[in-house]
């Protein structure tokens, strides 16, 4: 089975992530940031993967360090769980509506990190800092070594925009990691990803 378990401990954060790409067991997410618990639970459920995250950090300052370190650790865990990438579909894309919000997510498990992020989220003075969604995905793609395009087609409500991004990312990733029945080799003419 394609699984991995990575811990990252710094002076600012303590992140422990267990991932199984071939199990749809109910996720267990506890990050001390309720919004991220919700988003990562949605992501895992829609990706059809098992995700166990225990994370805490210096959120008394703000949520930035912890959100970024979760992206780093999840990216590393994903890369390790994927292994040699033999037989994967490699590409995935999904158009996901969430009420008035509509997100288009496309990705390539390419071995080359790149993020294109187009989402206009309104500034809020209270609650979760939605700018950190982009920071999370920057950290994830840099450590997972994937190309990820996130484009909000429309959306008015910040929470709906965020949900459409995380759910759509889950669905697109599920497609990309699925086994290709016709080709059990590395899906590249280069022979390496």
Protein backbone atom coordinates (compact mmCIF):
# COMPACT_ATOMS: atom_id res chain seq x y z
CA UNK A 1 0.00 0.00 0.00
CA UNK A 2 1.08 3.56 -0.71
CA UNK A 3 1.46 5.09 2.72
CA UNK A 4 3.82 7.27 4.74
CA UNK A 5 4.20 8.80 8.18
CA UNK A 6 6.26 11.96 8.71
CA UNK A 7 6.82 14.16 11.75
CA UNK A 8 8.13 17.72 11.62
CA UNK A 9 9.07 19.50 14.84
CA UNK A 10 10.49 23.03 14.94
CA UNK A 11 10.71 25.73 17.61
CA UNK A 12 7.38 27.02 16.23
CA UNK A 13 5.35 23.92 15.34
CA UNK A 14 4.89 20.21 15.92
CA UNK A 15 3.26 18.36 12.99
CA UNK A 16 2.61 14.62 12.73
CA UNK A 17 1.00 13.31 9.52
CA UNK A 18 0.05 9.77 8.52
CA UNK A 19 -1.24 9.21 4.99
CA UNK A 20 -2.54 6.18 3.12
CA UNK A 21 -3.42 6.77 -0.53
CA UNK A 22 -5.15 3.38 -0.83
CA UNK A 23 -7.45 3.57 2.18
CA UNK A 24 -10.68 5.53 2.49
CA UNK A 25 -10.78 5.12 6.27
CA UNK A 26 -12.38 8.14 7.98
CA UNK A 27 -9.79 10.95 8.40
CA UNK A 28 -8.67 12.13 11.83
CA UNK A 29 -7.60 15.78 11.79
CA UNK A 30 -6.64 17.81 14.86
CA UNK A 31 -4.64 20.96 14.09
CA UNK A 32 -5.83 23.43 16.78
CA UNK A 33 -7.16 25.53 13.87
CA UNK A 34 -10.82 24.49 13.44
CA UNK A 35 -11.04 25.92 9.92
CA UNK A 36 -8.05 23.82 8.74
CA UNK A 37 -9.50 20.75 10.49
CA UNK A 38 -12.64 21.26 8.39
CA UNK A 39 -10.81 21.90 5.09
CA UNK A 40 -8.36 18.99 5.46
CA UNK A 41 -11.18 16.63 6.46
CA UNK A 42 -13.07 17.66 3.32
CA UNK A 43 -9.94 17.22 1.20
CA UNK A 44 -9.25 13.69 2.51
CA UNK A 45 -12.88 12.60 2.19
CA UNK A 46 -13.17 13.85 -1.40
CA UNK A 47 -9.77 12.41 -2.35
CA UNK A 48 -10.79 9.03 -0.92
CA UNK A 49 -7.60 8.75 1.13
CA UNK A 50 -6.82 8.21 4.80
CA UNK A 51 -5.28 11.21 6.51
CA UNK A 52 -4.33 11.45 10.19
CA UNK A 53 -2.96 14.85 11.28
CA UNK A 54 -1.99 15.98 14.75
CA UNK A 55 -0.54 19.49 14.72
CA UNK A 56 0.01 22.38 17.07
CA UNK A 57 2.06 25.53 16.98
CA UNK A 58 2.48 29.15 17.99
CA UNK A 59 -1.04 30.17 16.97
CA UNK A 60 -1.02 32.77 19.73
CA UNK A 61 1.11 34.80 17.28
CA UNK A 62 -1.00 33.86 14.26
CA UNK A 63 -1.80 30.76 12.19
CA UNK A 64 0.88 31.26 9.52
CA UNK A 65 3.68 29.03 10.86
CA UNK A 66 1.36 26.11 11.55
CA UNK A 67 -0.56 26.29 8.26
CA UNK A 68 2.69 26.51 6.26
CA UNK A 69 4.34 23.67 8.19
CA UNK A 70 1.28 21.48 7.64
CA UNK A 71 1.62 22.15 3.90
CA UNK A 72 5.33 21.26 4.02
CA UNK A 73 4.75 18.05 5.98
CA UNK A 74 1.72 16.94 3.96
CA UNK A 75 3.70 17.51 0.74
CA UNK A 76 6.60 15.41 2.03
CA UNK A 77 4.25 12.69 3.23
CA UNK A 78 2.42 12.63 -0.11
CA UNK A 79 5.68 12.39 -2.08
CA UNK A 80 6.93 9.52 0.07
CA UNK A 81 3.60 7.64 -0.07
CA UNK A 82 3.45 7.92 -3.86
CA UNK A 83 6.78 6.13 -4.20
CA UNK A 84 8.13 5.53 -7.70
CA UNK A 85 4.86 6.71 -9.35
CA UNK A 86 4.65 3.61 -11.55
CA UNK A 87 1.20 3.03 -12.97
CA UNK A 88 -0.44 6.28 -11.78
CA UNK A 89 -2.70 8.33 -14.04
CA UNK A 90 -0.47 11.37 -13.26
CA UNK A 91 -2.91 14.11 -14.35
CA UNK A 92 -6.15 15.13 -12.71
CA UNK A 93 -8.62 17.97 -13.00
CA UNK A 94 -11.98 18.78 -11.52
CA UNK A 95 -14.58 21.55 -11.71
CA UNK A 96 -16.30 21.83 -8.34
CA UNK A 97 -19.34 23.94 -7.46
CA UNK A 98 -20.05 24.96 -3.87
CA UNK A 99 -23.24 27.00 -3.92
CA UNK A 100 -22.29 30.26 -5.71
CA UNK A 101 -18.56 29.37 -5.80
CA UNK A 102 -16.98 27.44 -8.65
CA UNK A 103 -13.36 26.22 -8.56
CA UNK A 104 -11.36 24.62 -11.33
CA UNK A 105 -8.41 22.52 -10.13
CA UNK A 106 -5.86 20.90 -12.45
CA UNK A 107 -2.70 19.10 -11.42
CA UNK A 108 0.24 17.11 -12.72
CA UNK A 109 2.31 14.81 -10.53
CA UNK A 110 5.30 15.93 -12.57
CA UNK A 111 8.23 16.06 -10.16
CA UNK A 112 8.29 19.82 -10.85
CA UNK A 113 6.82 22.12 -8.19
CA UNK A 114 4.64 24.95 -9.48
CA UNK A 115 1.55 26.69 -8.15
CA UNK A 116 -0.76 28.93 -10.12
CA UNK A 117 -3.31 30.37 -7.69
CA UNK A 118 -6.14 32.64 -8.81
CA UNK A 119 -8.66 33.19 -6.04
CA UNK A 120 -10.01 36.55 -4.94
CA UNK A 121 -10.91 36.28 -1.28
CA UNK A 122 -12.21 39.25 0.64
CA UNK A 123 -10.18 40.51 3.61
CA UNK A 124 -11.72 39.74 7.00
CA UNK A 125 -10.82 41.32 10.33
CA UNK A 126 -11.93 38.27 12.34
CA UNK A 127 -11.73 34.51 11.93
CA UNK A 128 -9.35 32.56 9.72
CA UNK A 129 -6.88 34.46 7.52
CA UNK A 130 -7.88 33.17 4.08
CA UNK A 131 -4.59 34.36 2.56
CA UNK A 132 -3.01 31.37 4.29
CA UNK A 133 -4.74 28.99 1.85
CA UNK A 134 -2.27 30.07 -0.81
CA UNK A 135 0.64 29.67 1.65
CA UNK A 136 -0.54 26.14 2.44
CA UNK A 137 -0.59 25.16 -1.24
CA UNK A 138 2.80 26.81 -1.96
CA UNK A 139 4.32 24.70 0.82
CA UNK A 140 2.51 21.57 -0.39
CA UNK A 141 3.53 21.77 -4.07
CA UNK A 142 7.15 22.63 -3.23
CA UNK A 143 7.47 19.52 -1.07
CA UNK A 144 5.25 17.14 -3.06
CA UNK A 145 6.90 18.27 -6.34
CA UNK A 146 3.64 18.65 -8.25
CA UNK A 147 2.24 21.26 -10.59
CA UNK A 148 -1.07 22.64 -9.31
CA UNK A 149 -3.43 25.15 -10.88
CA UNK A 150 -6.23 26.58 -8.74
CA UNK A 151 -8.59 28.95 -10.51
CA UNK A 152 -11.77 30.34 -8.99
CA UNK A 153 -14.25 30.77 -11.79
CA UNK A 154 -16.63 32.65 -9.48
CA UNK A 155 -17.47 33.02 -5.82
CA UNK A 156 -18.70 35.52 -3.26
CA UNK A 157 -18.55 33.79 0.12
CA UNK A 158 -15.03 33.16 1.49
CA UNK A 159 -15.99 29.89 3.16
CA UNK A 160 -17.62 28.55 0.00
CA UNK A 161 -14.57 29.54 -2.05
CA UNK A 162 -12.27 27.71 0.36
CA UNK A 163 -14.49 24.60 0.40
CA UNK A 164 -14.65 24.46 -3.39
CA UNK A 165 -10.84 24.67 -3.55
CA UNK A 166 -10.16 21.91 -1.01
CA UNK A 167 -12.90 19.59 -2.28
CA UNK A 168 -11.85 20.14 -5.90
CA UNK A 169 -8.21 19.52 -4.98
CA UNK A 170 -9.25 16.23 -3.37
CA UNK A 171 -11.13 15.09 -6.46
CA UNK A 172 -8.36 16.11 -8.88
CA UNK A 173 -5.73 14.38 -6.73
CA UNK A 174 -7.84 11.23 -6.55
CA UNK A 175 -7.86 11.05 -10.35
CA UNK A 176 -4.11 11.70 -10.64
CA UNK A 177 -3.08 9.03 -8.11
CA UNK A 178 -5.47 6.41 -9.47
CA UNK A 179 -3.96 3.36 -11.13
CA UNK A 180 -3.81 3.39 -14.92
CA UNK A 181 -5.09 -0.02 -16.09
CA UNK A 182 -3.38 0.27 -19.48
CA UNK A 183 0.06 1.44 -18.39
CA UNK A 184 1.83 0.13 -15.30
CA UNK A 185 5.04 2.05 -16.04
CA UNK A 186 6.08 5.56 -15.04
CA UNK A 187 3.72 7.84 -17.02
CA UNK A 188 6.40 9.84 -18.84
CA UNK A 189 8.31 9.44 -22.09
CA UNK A 190 11.39 10.45 -20.06
CA UNK A 191 11.02 7.34 -17.91
CA UNK A 192 11.17 9.41 -14.73
CA UNK A 193 8.97 11.89 -12.88
